[in-house]
Protein backbone atom coordinates (compact mmCIF):
# COMPACT_ATOMS: atom_id res chain seq x y z
CA MET A 1 15.15 16.37 308.78
CA PHE A 2 16.96 17.20 305.58
CA TYR A 3 18.76 14.67 303.42
CA PRO A 4 21.16 15.64 300.61
CA LYS A 5 19.94 14.93 297.18
CA VAL A 6 22.01 12.35 295.38
CA GLN A 7 23.71 13.86 292.34
CA SER A 8 22.38 12.56 289.08
CA LYS A 9 24.50 11.43 286.14
CA LYS A 10 23.43 14.62 284.38
CA ASP A 11 24.87 16.75 287.21
CA ASN A 12 28.17 14.89 287.13
CA ASP A 13 28.40 15.22 283.36
CA MET A 14 27.78 18.96 283.69
CA LYS A 15 30.63 19.26 286.17
CA LYS A 16 32.98 17.38 283.89
CA LEU A 17 32.09 19.61 280.97
CA THR A 18 32.61 22.69 283.12
CA TYR A 19 36.09 21.58 284.20
CA LEU A 20 37.02 20.68 280.63
CA PHE A 21 35.85 24.10 279.46
CA LEU A 22 37.92 25.85 282.15
CA THR A 23 41.03 23.81 281.31
CA ALA A 24 40.67 24.46 277.59
CA MET A 25 40.18 28.20 278.05
CA LEU A 26 43.16 28.51 280.39
CA GLY A 27 45.34 26.55 278.00
CA LEU A 28 44.28 28.72 275.07
CA LEU A 29 44.87 31.92 277.02
CA ILE A 30 48.33 30.88 278.22
CA THR A 31 49.35 29.74 274.73
CA ASN A 32 48.29 33.01 273.12
CA TYR A 33 49.88 35.11 275.85
CA ALA A 34 53.19 33.23 275.63
CA ALA A 35 53.24 33.62 271.86
CA ILE A 36 53.92 37.34 272.32
CA ALA A 37 57.43 36.72 273.69
CA PRO A 38 59.14 35.28 270.58
CA VAL A 39 58.15 38.33 268.54
CA SER A 40 59.98 40.76 270.81
CA ALA A 41 62.86 38.31 271.26
CA GLN A 42 63.78 38.64 267.58
CA LEU A 43 64.98 42.23 267.98
CA ASP A 44 66.80 44.39 270.50
CA PHE A 45 64.62 47.51 270.51
CA ASP A 46 60.97 48.05 269.63
CA ALA A 47 60.22 51.64 268.64
CA TYR A 48 56.48 51.69 269.33
CA LYS A 49 54.24 54.31 267.79
CA GLY A 50 53.60 57.04 270.33
CA ALA A 51 53.00 60.72 270.89
CA ALA A 52 55.24 63.35 269.34
CA ILE A 53 57.84 65.03 271.55
CA ALA A 54 58.30 68.77 271.05
CA ASP A 55 61.77 70.02 270.17
CA GLY A 56 61.90 71.89 273.48
CA GLU A 57 61.43 68.65 275.41
CA ILE A 58 64.54 67.15 273.85
CA ASP A 59 66.64 68.54 276.68
CA GLY A 60 68.70 65.67 278.08
CA THR A 61 66.11 64.82 280.73
CA VAL A 62 63.92 61.74 280.37
CA GLY A 63 60.42 62.53 281.60
CA ALA A 64 56.79 61.50 281.12
CA GLU A 65 57.08 62.14 277.38
CA TRP A 66 58.82 58.75 277.15
CA ASP A 67 56.10 56.78 278.98
CA ASP A 68 54.74 55.37 275.71
CA ALA A 69 58.16 54.23 274.46
CA GLY A 70 59.81 50.83 274.51
CA HIS A 71 61.95 50.75 277.66
CA TYR A 72 65.04 48.58 278.14
CA THR A 73 67.46 48.23 281.06
CA ASN A 74 70.95 46.78 281.44
CA VAL A 75 71.70 47.02 277.72
CA LEU A 76 75.40 46.40 277.11
CA ILE A 77 77.09 49.16 275.12
CA ASP A 78 80.59 49.45 273.61
CA PRO A 79 83.30 49.43 274.77
CA GLU A 80 81.81 48.48 278.16
CA GLY A 81 79.05 49.31 280.57
CA ALA A 82 75.27 49.05 280.56
CA ALA A 83 72.61 51.56 279.58
CA GLU A 84 68.92 52.29 280.05
CA ILE A 85 67.29 52.92 276.68
CA TRP A 86 63.94 54.24 275.39
CA THR A 87 62.74 53.97 271.77
CA LYS A 88 59.61 55.11 269.93
CA HIS A 89 58.38 57.00 266.85
CA ASP A 90 55.38 59.14 265.97
CA GLY A 91 55.12 58.36 262.25
CA THR A 92 57.30 61.37 261.43
CA ASN A 93 60.28 61.16 263.78
CA LEU A 94 62.28 58.44 265.53
CA TYR A 95 63.04 59.02 269.21
CA ILE A 96 65.88 57.42 271.18
CA ALA A 97 66.96 58.20 274.74
CA ILE A 98 69.95 56.64 276.52
CA LYS A 99 71.22 56.83 280.12
CA PHE A 100 74.52 55.32 281.18
CA ASP A 101 77.31 55.75 283.74
CA ALA A 102 80.58 56.97 282.23
CA ASP A 103 84.02 57.22 283.81
CA SER A 104 84.41 60.94 283.15
CA THR A 105 82.29 64.06 282.74
CA ASN A 106 83.43 64.61 279.15
CA PRO A 107 82.72 61.48 277.11
CA TRP A 108 81.16 61.25 273.68
CA LEU A 109 78.47 58.82 272.61
CA CYS A 110 77.62 57.80 269.07
CA ILE A 111 74.62 55.96 267.64
CA GLN A 112 75.51 54.41 264.29
CA LEU A 113 72.30 53.97 262.33
CA GLY A 114 71.65 51.53 259.50
CA THR A 115 74.81 49.41 259.64
CA THR A 116 76.88 47.43 262.15
CA GLY A 117 80.33 47.53 260.55
CA CYS A 118 83.02 49.42 262.44
CA MET A 119 83.10 53.03 261.21
CA ASP A 120 81.03 52.11 258.16
CA SER A 121 81.19 54.94 255.62
CA THR A 122 77.58 54.27 254.56
CA ALA A 123 76.18 54.77 258.07
CA ASP A 124 74.23 57.73 259.41
CA LEU A 125 75.52 58.94 262.78
CA ALA A 126 73.98 60.68 265.74
CA THR A 127 76.95 61.97 267.75
CA PHE A 128 76.74 63.52 271.23
CA GLY A 129 79.43 65.36 273.19
CA ASP A 130 82.23 65.07 270.64
CA ASP A 131 84.49 68.08 271.27
CA ASN A 132 85.52 68.01 267.62
CA LEU A 133 81.91 68.45 266.52
CA VAL A 134 79.57 69.91 269.17
CA ALA A 135 80.87 69.72 272.73
CA ASP A 136 78.07 68.55 275.08
CA GLY A 137 75.64 68.66 272.18
CA TYR A 138 74.27 66.79 269.15
CA SER A 139 75.70 66.51 265.66
CA ASP A 140 74.10 64.82 262.65
CA SER A 141 77.22 63.21 261.22
CA TYR A 142 78.76 60.56 258.98
CA TYR A 143 82.08 58.73 258.82
CA GLN A 144 84.90 59.96 256.64
CA GLY A 145 88.35 58.49 257.07
CA MET A 146 88.93 57.68 260.76
CA GLY A 147 86.44 60.07 262.29
CA ALA A 148 82.97 61.57 262.26
CA ASN A 149 82.21 64.62 260.16
CA PRO A 150 79.24 66.97 260.52
CA ASP A 151 76.54 66.64 257.90
CA ALA A 152 75.96 69.79 255.84
CA SER A 153 72.23 69.36 256.58
CA GLN A 154 71.73 68.98 260.32
CA ASP A 155 68.58 66.86 260.52
CA GLY A 156 66.91 66.21 263.83
CA VAL A 157 67.25 67.52 267.36
CA GLY A 158 69.41 66.12 270.14
CA ALA A 159 70.57 66.96 273.64
CA MET A 160 73.07 65.65 276.17
CA SER A 161 73.26 66.18 279.92
CA VAL A 162 76.00 65.26 282.39
CA ILE A 163 75.64 64.93 286.15
CA ASN A 164 79.15 65.77 287.29
CA ALA A 165 78.86 64.21 290.73
CA THR A 166 77.91 60.76 289.43
CA GLN A 167 79.09 60.92 285.78
CA LEU A 168 75.59 59.91 284.69
CA ILE A 169 75.12 60.71 281.00
CA THR A 170 71.71 61.18 279.37
CA ILE A 171 71.14 61.76 275.67
CA GLU A 172 67.90 62.33 273.75
CA LEU A 173 67.50 62.13 269.98
CA LYS A 174 64.68 63.18 267.68
CA LYS A 175 65.47 62.12 264.12
CA PRO A 176 63.23 62.42 261.01
CA LEU A 177 62.10 59.07 259.66
CA ASN A 178 62.58 60.40 256.16
CA SER A 179 64.61 63.59 255.88
CA GLY A 180 65.38 63.05 252.20
CA ASP A 181 69.05 63.78 252.91
CA ALA A 182 70.76 60.99 250.95
CA THR A 183 74.02 62.94 250.88
CA GLY A 184 74.16 62.83 254.66
CA LYS A 185 73.49 59.05 254.61
CA ASP A 186 70.12 59.54 256.32
CA ILE A 187 67.88 56.46 256.34
CA ALA A 188 64.37 56.41 254.87
CA TRP A 189 62.81 54.54 257.79
CA SER A 190 59.51 52.74 257.24
CA GLU A 191 56.99 51.28 259.68
CA GLY A 192 57.14 47.53 260.08
CA SER A 193 60.82 47.34 259.11
CA THR A 194 63.83 46.44 261.24
CA TYR A 195 67.15 48.28 261.04
CA ASP A 196 70.68 47.80 262.37
CA LEU A 197 72.41 50.11 264.81
CA VAL A 198 75.44 50.32 267.09
CA ILE A 199 75.86 52.29 270.33
CA ALA A 200 79.39 53.25 271.42
CA TRP A 201 81.10 55.76 273.70
CA ASP A 202 84.62 57.00 274.44
CA SER A 203 86.30 58.99 277.21
CA ASP A 204 90.08 58.96 276.66
CA GLY A 205 90.65 61.40 273.81
CA GLY A 206 89.73 62.10 270.21
CA GLY A 207 86.80 64.34 271.11
CA SER A 208 86.52 63.18 274.72
CA SER A 209 88.67 63.41 277.85
CA GLY A 210 89.01 62.54 281.51
CA GLY A 211 88.49 58.78 281.36
CA GLY A 212 90.01 55.53 280.21
CA ARG A 213 87.47 54.06 277.81
CA ASP A 214 88.58 53.82 274.20
CA HIS A 215 86.45 52.68 271.29
CA LYS A 216 88.88 52.66 268.35
CA GLY A 217 88.35 51.79 264.72
CA GLY A 218 89.03 48.14 264.08
CA THR A 219 87.15 46.85 267.13
CA THR A 220 84.09 44.65 266.66
CA PRO A 221 80.98 46.63 267.60
CA THR A 222 77.95 45.00 269.18
CA ALA A 223 75.25 44.73 266.52
CA ARG A 224 71.75 45.79 267.55
CA THR A 225 68.40 45.95 265.77
CA ILE A 226 65.43 48.29 266.09
CA LEU A 227 61.89 47.79 264.79
CA ILE A 228 59.81 50.76 263.64
CA ASP A 229 56.64 49.32 265.08
CA PRO A 230 53.30 50.43 263.57
CA ASN A 231 51.60 49.53 266.86
CA VAL A 232 51.38 51.39 270.14
CA ILE A 233 52.95 49.86 273.23
CA PRO A 234 50.71 47.17 274.82
CA GLU A 235 48.83 48.61 277.79
CA PHE A 236 49.42 46.65 281.00
CA PRO A 237 49.55 43.11 279.47
CA GLY A 238 49.70 41.56 282.93
CA LEU A 239 46.45 43.21 284.00
CA ILE A 240 44.80 42.19 280.73
CA PHE A 241 45.83 38.59 281.43
CA ILE A 242 44.27 38.74 284.91
CA ALA A 243 41.11 40.38 283.57
CA VAL A 244 40.61 37.61 281.01
CA LEU A 245 41.13 34.98 283.69
CA ILE A 246 38.46 36.61 285.83
CA ALA A 247 36.11 36.84 282.84
CA ILE A 248 36.52 33.09 282.30
CA ALA A 249 36.30 32.18 285.96
CA ILE A 250 33.03 33.99 286.73
CA PRO A 251 30.76 31.98 284.37
CA VAL A 252 32.54 28.77 285.35
CA ILE A 253 31.88 29.42 289.06
CA ILE A 254 28.23 30.13 288.27
CA LEU A 255 27.94 26.85 286.34
CA ILE A 256 29.57 24.91 289.17
CA ARG A 257 27.26 26.45 291.76
CA LYS A 258 24.26 25.41 289.68
CA THR A 259 25.39 21.79 289.75
CA ILE A 260 25.85 21.64 293.55
CA PRO A 261 22.85 19.79 294.95
CA LYS A 262 20.63 21.58 297.38
CA PRO A 263 19.23 19.75 300.40
CA THR A 264 15.65 18.62 300.02
CA PRO A 265 13.31 18.28 302.94
CA ASN A 266 12.20 14.88 304.08
CA ILE A 267 9.26 15.55 306.33
CA LYS A 268 7.93 12.79 308.50
CA LEU A 269 4.27 13.00 309.21
């Protein structure tokens, strides 16, 4: 017959230490993982450092070249509606892509860079689809009076596409981080810094047509911020979390198994 070996005080103490170790490690892991959230919550867009996009790929179609970018959905834009947005940089250029549903096939969209004031004369503009500038295309612009004016030095590359059947608008922008064009109000972007921006569109005239959305001077634009992040986008943080949990659990399971008493034989002669 076999009789279970009574656990010693040493075995019980080992179990307690094992459970305390597991609890402490889980608590530390969860605390560190949760601490990531407040950093991203302080800004609207994180332009992670990623691979360069060739000029020819700035074509109004978001593809795999944006896989290493910050990606945001349901972002409210002025005067109304929500957009899907991608942001990144490669150390030389800033990249922004935007998709949104318009109410016509001939809207314009403007990204006001560096400031949040309505039609701020100190802002750099990336304008798309404005019939007064470049219809269905990109213009490096700035404000003068009550409208946008083309910059004498057209810095960057941009593209706009329109799906007529659904009125889905896609724009892509590639803008130098430091063009040196102070006259055109271009920003000297730097890694680790956060900048203001505004995204607005229009469809009822003044460079657009066919819709009823009007973003006039004098309205209060929605202020946004973008970080020029020196870091690449985190790779699969959820999987990393699981992997660390497994790495902790394996040695703990081994320790627990070692403390489980094995039956010892009790042989009657």
